[in-house]
């Protein structure tokens, strides 16, 4: 943690220095964090419901679709790219950064909070739009593969549209009912208000305090605060396997959730397809009894504990992915 934070601070200091020498400014695209798709036309993208999303797909366009849904809110799909391997088994594998996340187009926090609980419908409608974009015929099967927040989103979508998808595999949703979400967040949060990282972020506030539309500053600071978590069992490589964090949507959806307390398992009893559920050995916030509790909302769920890895490692760790997660996913998808 200390070494990573020091590197970030040194990088920021260097940026300030070079900003003076070359007239570069921290709020200009690409200086603090990577550019988004609306700033860099070379990035693969699609347009869904008026938002430009960072997105790409692998495999034959007419094959059964597997939509990979990343964590967050505000993360990106970089750490999920091992899932490309599923294309080798005859599937069409779709990745997308959710709006306001990763390298997708940014919007102010108020564009989510102003919708109230409707902000979640915006996210569900976006997923429907992604599916519609990549679907080549109405009979093409669609499976969802969701991790963390993405697993919560995928579950909610399956409950809302139980006949729209034909398979669901999820990895460590923090919780599905709001009280469980908050309990998991509390347990898994290793950020200490008195710790070195907190002090560094507070120190940084003296130089850069991002306003609502200054997404580069907000995202940079969000990345610093989420650089590593000692509770979830992820190593430094796994913790840093993101392109860019989305601060506005992260804080916006958290505010909406705190106010309206959504139940992401609502309607899931109408989803009658077996669910493949993964959790990790090293995530201290995800013991066996928690996995049993969270998965109990499904009519039928097959649980697998992935040994030797943590929260992100279920997908990101190459050994865990190739030896455990991928083979079990292939068996599951082939059975549907």
Protein backbone atom coordinates (compact mmCIF):
# COMPACT_ATOMS: atom_id res chain seq x y z
CA UNK A 1 0.00 0.00 0.00
CA UNK A 2 2.70 2.47 1.00
CA UNK A 3 4.83 1.92 -2.09
CA UNK A 4 1.86 2.17 -4.42
CA UNK A 5 0.60 5.35 -2.80
CA UNK A 6 4.08 6.91 -2.95
CA UNK A 7 4.30 6.10 -6.65
CA UNK A 8 0.95 7.79 -7.25
CA UNK A 9 2.04 10.85 -5.31
CA UNK A 10 5.35 11.02 -7.19
CA UNK A 11 3.49 10.72 -10.48
CA UNK A 12 1.20 13.56 -9.47
CA UNK A 13 4.14 15.71 -8.40
CA UNK A 14 5.87 15.06 -11.71
CA UNK A 15 2.69 15.98 -13.53
CA UNK A 16 2.51 19.28 -11.69
CA UNK A 17 6.12 19.99 -12.65
CA UNK A 18 5.66 19.16 -16.31
CA UNK A 19 2.39 21.05 -16.38
CA UNK A 20 4.35 24.20 -15.65
CA UNK A 21 7.07 23.42 -18.21
CA UNK A 22 4.80 22.31 -21.07
CA UNK A 23 1.60 24.19 -20.23
CA UNK A 24 -0.23 20.97 -19.51
CA UNK A 25 -3.15 21.14 -17.12
CA UNK A 26 -4.49 18.42 -14.86
CA UNK A 27 -8.07 18.92 -16.08
CA UNK A 28 -7.14 18.33 -19.72
CA UNK A 29 -7.95 14.90 -21.23
CA UNK A 30 -5.27 12.27 -20.79
CA UNK A 31 -3.05 14.06 -18.28
CA UNK A 32 -4.18 12.47 -15.02
CA UNK A 33 -6.09 9.43 -16.26
CA UNK A 34 -6.66 7.75 -19.66
CA UNK A 35 -9.00 9.42 -22.14
CA UNK A 36 -12.58 8.21 -22.52
CA UNK A 37 -14.15 7.08 -25.80
CA UNK A 38 -15.64 10.50 -26.51
CA UNK A 39 -12.12 11.96 -26.19
CA UNK A 40 -10.22 9.24 -28.07
CA UNK A 41 -11.80 8.01 -31.34
CA UNK A 42 -9.31 5.12 -31.54
CA UNK A 43 -10.97 3.30 -28.64
CA UNK A 44 -13.59 0.66 -29.55
CA UNK A 45 -17.04 1.99 -28.74
CA UNK A 46 -20.78 1.68 -29.25
CA UNK A 47 -23.62 4.13 -28.59
CA UNK A 48 -26.41 2.97 -26.29
CA UNK A 49 -29.30 5.18 -25.22
CA UNK A 50 -27.35 8.31 -26.12
CA UNK A 51 -24.20 7.36 -24.18
CA UNK A 52 -20.92 6.43 -25.86
CA UNK A 53 -19.63 3.26 -24.23
CA UNK A 54 -16.22 1.63 -24.36
CA UNK A 55 -17.06 -1.83 -25.70
CA UNK A 56 -15.72 -4.73 -27.73
CA UNK A 57 -16.66 -8.33 -28.52
CA UNK A 58 -14.89 -11.57 -29.43
CA UNK A 59 -16.13 -14.68 -31.21
CA UNK A 60 -18.58 -15.28 -34.06
CA UNK A 61 -21.39 -12.67 -34.10
CA UNK A 62 -24.11 -15.34 -34.42
CA UNK A 63 -22.93 -17.45 -31.46
CA UNK A 64 -24.57 -17.49 -28.04
CA UNK A 65 -23.75 -14.18 -26.33
CA UNK A 66 -22.02 -13.94 -22.95
CA UNK A 67 -22.17 -10.38 -21.60
CA UNK A 68 -19.43 -9.66 -19.04
CA UNK A 69 -20.55 -7.13 -16.43
CA UNK A 70 -17.80 -5.51 -14.37
CA UNK A 71 -17.74 -4.41 -10.76
CA UNK A 72 -17.92 -1.00 -9.17
CA UNK A 73 -20.05 0.90 -9.64
CA UNK A 74 -17.48 2.82 -11.62
CA UNK A 75 -14.96 0.06 -12.41
CA UNK A 76 -14.19 -1.26 -15.89
CA UNK A 77 -13.80 -4.56 -17.71
CA UNK A 78 -10.01 -4.63 -17.98
CA UNK A 79 -9.63 -7.16 -15.15
CA UNK A 80 -12.24 -9.40 -16.83
CA UNK A 81 -10.40 -9.82 -20.12
CA UNK A 82 -9.48 -13.43 -19.31
CA UNK A 83 -13.11 -14.09 -20.22
CA UNK A 84 -12.06 -13.71 -23.86
CA UNK A 85 -11.08 -17.38 -23.55
CA UNK A 86 -14.78 -18.26 -23.74
CA UNK A 87 -14.73 -17.26 -27.41
CA UNK A 88 -12.49 -20.30 -28.02
CA UNK A 89 -15.41 -22.48 -26.90
CA UNK A 90 -17.80 -21.08 -29.48
CA UNK A 91 -19.30 -18.12 -27.62
CA UNK A 92 -19.66 -14.45 -28.50
CA UNK A 93 -18.07 -12.65 -25.54
CA UNK A 94 -19.14 -9.03 -25.03
CA UNK A 95 -17.39 -6.49 -22.80
CA UNK A 96 -18.57 -2.98 -22.01
CA UNK A 97 -17.71 -0.26 -19.52
CA UNK A 98 -20.95 0.94 -17.99
CA UNK A 99 -21.84 4.59 -18.53
CA UNK A 100 -19.68 6.88 -16.43
CA UNK A 101 -17.27 3.99 -15.80
CA UNK A 102 -13.89 2.91 -17.11
CA UNK A 103 -13.28 4.49 -20.50
CA UNK A 104 -16.96 5.21 -21.24
CA UNK A 105 -18.43 8.69 -21.53
CA UNK A 106 -18.77 10.68 -18.29
CA UNK A 107 -21.85 12.39 -16.86
CA UNK A 108 -22.19 14.50 -13.67
CA UNK A 109 -23.31 12.84 -10.45
CA UNK A 110 -26.57 14.80 -10.56
CA UNK A 111 -27.59 12.99 -13.75
CA UNK A 112 -27.93 9.85 -11.60
CA UNK A 113 -29.13 11.25 -8.29
CA UNK A 114 -31.78 13.42 -9.97
CA UNK A 115 -33.47 10.24 -11.24
CA UNK A 116 -33.88 8.78 -7.78
CA UNK A 117 -34.45 5.02 -7.89
CA UNK A 118 -34.85 5.46 -11.66
CA UNK A 119 -31.06 5.66 -11.88
CA UNK A 120 -31.02 1.86 -11.58
CA UNK A 121 -33.50 1.55 -14.45
CA UNK A 122 -31.06 3.62 -16.48
CA UNK A 123 -28.38 0.96 -15.85
CA UNK A 124 -30.74 -1.92 -16.63
CA UNK A 125 -31.89 -0.21 -19.84
CA UNK A 126 -28.25 0.22 -20.79
CA UNK A 127 -27.66 -3.53 -20.43
CA UNK A 128 -30.71 -4.17 -22.63
CA UNK A 129 -29.22 -1.78 -25.18
CA UNK A 130 -25.85 -3.55 -25.14
CA UNK A 131 -27.58 -6.91 -25.72
CA UNK A 132 -29.66 -5.44 -28.55
CA UNK A 133 -26.55 -3.95 -30.18
CA UNK A 134 -24.70 -7.27 -30.35
CA UNK A 135 -27.66 -9.57 -30.97
CA UNK A 136 -27.91 -10.64 -34.62
CA UNK A 137 -31.22 -12.52 -34.38
CA UNK A 138 -34.09 -12.74 -31.86
CA UNK A 139 -33.47 -16.43 -31.14
CA UNK A 140 -29.83 -15.91 -30.14
CA UNK A 141 -29.26 -17.03 -26.54
CA UNK A 142 -27.86 -14.54 -24.02
CA UNK A 143 -25.97 -15.40 -20.83
CA UNK A 144 -24.87 -12.90 -18.18
CA UNK A 145 -21.52 -13.13 -16.38
CA UNK A 146 -21.40 -10.62 -13.54
CA UNK A 147 -18.73 -9.92 -10.95
CA UNK A 148 -19.15 -8.01 -7.66
CA UNK A 149 -21.41 -5.00 -8.40
CA UNK A 150 -21.83 -6.55 -11.85
CA UNK A 151 -23.20 -9.68 -10.15
CA UNK A 152 -25.73 -7.54 -8.31
CA UNK A 153 -26.69 -5.85 -11.57
CA UNK A 154 -26.96 -9.17 -13.42
CA UNK A 155 -29.15 -10.66 -10.67
CA UNK A 156 -31.44 -7.63 -10.67
CA UNK A 157 -31.71 -7.82 -14.45
CA UNK A 158 -32.59 -11.53 -14.35
CA UNK A 159 -35.26 -10.78 -11.76
CA UNK A 160 -36.65 -7.89 -13.79
CA UNK A 161 -36.53 -9.72 -17.13
CA UNK A 162 -36.51 -13.45 -16.27
CA UNK A 163 -37.24 -14.54 -19.84
CA UNK A 164 -34.69 -12.25 -21.49
CA UNK A 165 -31.61 -14.32 -20.59
CA UNK A 166 -30.93 -18.02 -20.71
CA UNK A 167 -28.06 -18.36 -18.23
CA UNK A 168 -26.55 -16.54 -15.26
CA UNK A 169 -23.18 -16.92 -13.56
CA UNK A 170 -22.15 -14.51 -10.82
CA UNK A 171 -19.05 -13.99 -8.71
CA UNK A 172 -19.19 -12.56 -5.19
CA UNK A 173 -22.05 -10.08 -5.25
CA UNK A 174 -21.45 -8.12 -2.06
CA UNK A 175 -25.11 -8.38 -1.20
CA UNK A 176 -28.48 -8.37 -2.95
CA UNK A 177 -30.77 -6.96 -0.28
CA UNK A 178 -29.63 -3.49 0.78
CA UNK A 179 -28.93 -4.32 4.42
CA UNK A 180 -26.62 -7.10 3.23
CA UNK A 181 -24.94 -4.72 0.78
CA UNK A 182 -24.18 -2.28 3.58
CA UNK A 183 -22.95 -5.03 5.90
CA UNK A 184 -20.58 -6.32 3.23
CA UNK A 185 -19.29 -2.82 2.43
CA UNK A 186 -18.62 -2.19 6.12
CA UNK A 187 -16.75 -5.47 6.58
CA UNK A 188 -14.75 -5.32 3.37
CA UNK A 189 -13.75 -1.66 3.65
CA UNK A 190 -10.09 -1.50 4.70
CA UNK A 191 -9.82 2.25 4.13
CA UNK A 192 -8.92 3.86 7.43
CA UNK A 193 -9.78 7.51 8.03
CA UNK A 194 -6.62 7.82 10.08
CA UNK A 195 -4.40 5.85 7.76
CA UNK A 196 -1.60 6.93 5.44
CA UNK A 197 -3.78 6.70 2.34
CA UNK A 198 -6.44 8.93 3.91
CA UNK A 199 -3.74 11.45 4.83
CA UNK A 200 -2.36 11.43 1.30
CA UNK A 201 -5.79 11.99 -0.25
CA UNK A 202 -6.49 14.81 2.21
CA UNK A 203 -3.09 16.31 1.38
CA UNK A 204 -3.91 16.05 -2.32
CA UNK A 205 -7.13 18.01 -1.75
CA UNK A 206 -4.97 21.07 -1.06
CA UNK A 207 -3.90 21.02 -4.72
CA UNK A 208 -6.81 19.52 -6.64
CA UNK A 209 -10.45 19.56 -5.59
CA UNK A 210 -12.59 18.33 -8.45
CA UNK A 211 -15.90 19.98 -9.25
CA UNK A 212 -18.88 18.04 -10.59
CA UNK A 213 -17.74 18.18 -14.21
CA UNK A 214 -14.00 17.71 -13.58
CA UNK A 215 -14.14 13.97 -14.00
CA UNK A 216 -10.41 13.48 -14.50
CA UNK A 217 -9.62 14.89 -11.07
CA UNK A 218 -12.51 13.05 -9.40
CA UNK A 219 -11.59 9.75 -11.07
CA UNK A 220 -7.91 10.12 -10.17
CA UNK A 221 -8.72 10.63 -6.51
CA UNK A 222 -11.22 7.75 -6.58
CA UNK A 223 -8.49 5.46 -7.92
CA UNK A 224 -6.15 6.47 -5.09
CA UNK A 225 -8.75 5.60 -2.49
CA UNK A 226 -9.46 2.22 -4.10
CA UNK A 227 -5.90 1.22 -4.93
CA UNK A 228 -5.82 -1.85 -2.68
CA UNK A 229 -7.97 -3.66 -0.16
CA UNK A 230 -6.37 -5.96 2.43
CA UNK A 231 -9.68 -7.59 3.32
CA UNK A 232 -10.76 -8.95 -0.06
CA UNK A 233 -7.60 -10.99 -0.64
CA UNK A 234 -6.52 -9.35 -3.89
CA UNK A 235 -2.83 -8.75 -4.49
CA UNK A 236 -1.32 -5.52 -5.84
CA UNK A 237 -1.60 -6.62 -9.47
CA UNK A 238 -5.28 -7.46 -9.11
CA UNK A 239 -6.00 -4.24 -7.24
CA UNK A 240 -4.42 -2.16 -10.01
CA UNK A 241 -5.95 -3.95 -13.00
CA UNK A 242 -8.23 -1.10 -14.05
CA UNK A 243 -8.00 1.50 -16.77
CA UNK A 244 -9.92 4.19 -14.94
CA UNK A 245 -12.39 4.55 -12.09
CA UNK A 246 -15.65 6.45 -12.47
CA UNK A 247 -16.18 8.63 -9.41
CA UNK A 248 -19.47 10.36 -10.32
CA UNK A 249 -21.44 7.17 -10.98
CA UNK A 250 -19.83 5.43 -8.01
CA UNK A 251 -20.87 8.10 -5.54
CA UNK A 252 -24.14 8.82 -7.34
CA UNK A 253 -25.44 5.24 -7.24
CA UNK A 254 -24.26 4.79 -3.66
CA UNK A 255 -26.27 7.89 -2.71
CA UNK A 256 -29.32 6.53 -4.53
CA UNK A 257 -28.93 3.15 -2.83
CA UNK A 258 -28.58 4.66 0.63
CA UNK A 259 -31.75 6.69 0.14
CA UNK A 260 -34.00 4.11 -1.55
CA UNK A 261 -32.52 0.80 -0.28
CA UNK A 262 -33.15 -1.30 -3.41
CA UNK A 263 -33.52 -5.06 -3.34
CA UNK A 264 -31.43 -6.48 -6.20
CA UNK A 265 -33.01 -9.90 -5.70
CA UNK A 266 -36.53 -8.65 -6.39
CA UNK A 267 -38.28 -10.95 -8.86
CA UNK A 268 -35.44 -13.49 -8.97
CA UNK A 269 -37.84 -16.23 -7.82
CA UNK A 270 -39.30 -16.00 -11.34
CA UNK A 271 -35.93 -16.94 -12.87
CA UNK A 272 -36.08 -20.72 -13.13
CA UNK A 273 -32.68 -21.43 -14.69
CA UNK A 274 -29.93 -22.78 -12.40
CA UNK A 275 -27.36 -20.16 -11.39
CA UNK A 276 -23.59 -20.72 -11.22
CA UNK A 277 -22.22 -18.90 -8.14
CA UNK A 278 -18.51 -18.39 -7.37
CA UNK A 279 -16.82 -17.02 -4.27
CA UNK A 280 -13.18 -16.93 -3.21
CA UNK A 281 -11.17 -18.52 -0.44
CA UNK A 282 -9.11 -15.45 0.50
CA UNK A 283 -11.83 -12.81 0.69
CA UNK A 284 -12.26 -12.39 4.44
CA UNK A 285 -15.60 -10.66 3.89
CA UNK A 286 -16.97 -13.69 2.02
CA UNK A 287 -16.93 -16.75 4.32
CA UNK A 288 -18.95 -19.87 3.53
CA UNK A 289 -21.97 -18.80 5.54
CA UNK A 290 -22.12 -15.44 3.71
CA UNK A 291 -21.99 -17.16 0.32
CA UNK A 292 -24.82 -19.47 1.42
CA UNK A 293 -26.87 -16.52 2.65
CA UNK A 294 -26.48 -14.41 -0.49
CA UNK A 295 -27.07 -17.33 -2.87
CA UNK A 296 -30.19 -18.49 -1.00
CA UNK A 297 -32.43 -16.13 -3.01
CA UNK A 298 -32.02 -18.25 -6.16
CA UNK A 299 -34.35 -21.16 -6.92
CA UNK A 300 -31.32 -23.28 -7.72
CA UNK A 301 -27.67 -22.28 -7.31
CA UNK A 302 -24.47 -24.27 -7.72
CA UNK A 303 -21.73 -22.84 -5.47
CA UNK A 304 -17.97 -23.07 -5.99
CA UNK A 305 -15.29 -21.71 -3.71
CA UNK A 306 -12.20 -20.77 -5.73
CA UNK A 307 -9.07 -21.66 -3.69
CA UNK A 308 -5.93 -19.58 -3.36
CA UNK A 309 -7.30 -16.29 -4.60
CA UNK A 310 -9.40 -13.27 -3.62
CA UNK A 311 -12.33 -11.21 -4.86
CA UNK A 312 -11.02 -10.12 -8.28
CA UNK A 313 -8.82 -13.20 -8.64
CA UNK A 314 -11.82 -15.43 -9.40
CA UNK A 315 -11.54 -14.02 -12.91
CA UNK A 316 -8.27 -12.05 -12.99
CA UNK A 317 -5.86 -14.61 -11.54
CA UNK A 318 -4.74 -16.70 -14.51
CA UNK A 319 -4.20 -19.91 -12.52
CA UNK A 320 -7.58 -19.72 -10.78
CA UNK A 321 -9.27 -18.77 -14.03
CA UNK A 322 -7.78 -21.54 -16.15
CA UNK A 323 -7.96 -24.31 -13.58
CA UNK A 324 -11.25 -23.58 -11.80
CA UNK A 325 -13.44 -20.76 -13.07
CA UNK A 326 -13.19 -21.24 -16.83
CA UNK A 327 -13.75 -25.03 -16.91
CA UNK A 328 -16.77 -24.79 -14.62
CA UNK A 329 -18.22 -21.93 -16.66
CA UNK A 330 -17.78 -23.85 -19.91
CA UNK A 331 -19.50 -26.91 -18.40
CA UNK A 332 -22.34 -24.72 -17.15
CA UNK A 333 -22.86 -22.78 -20.37
CA UNK A 334 -22.68 -25.93 -22.49
CA UNK A 335 -25.43 -27.47 -20.38
CA UNK A 336 -27.93 -24.73 -21.14
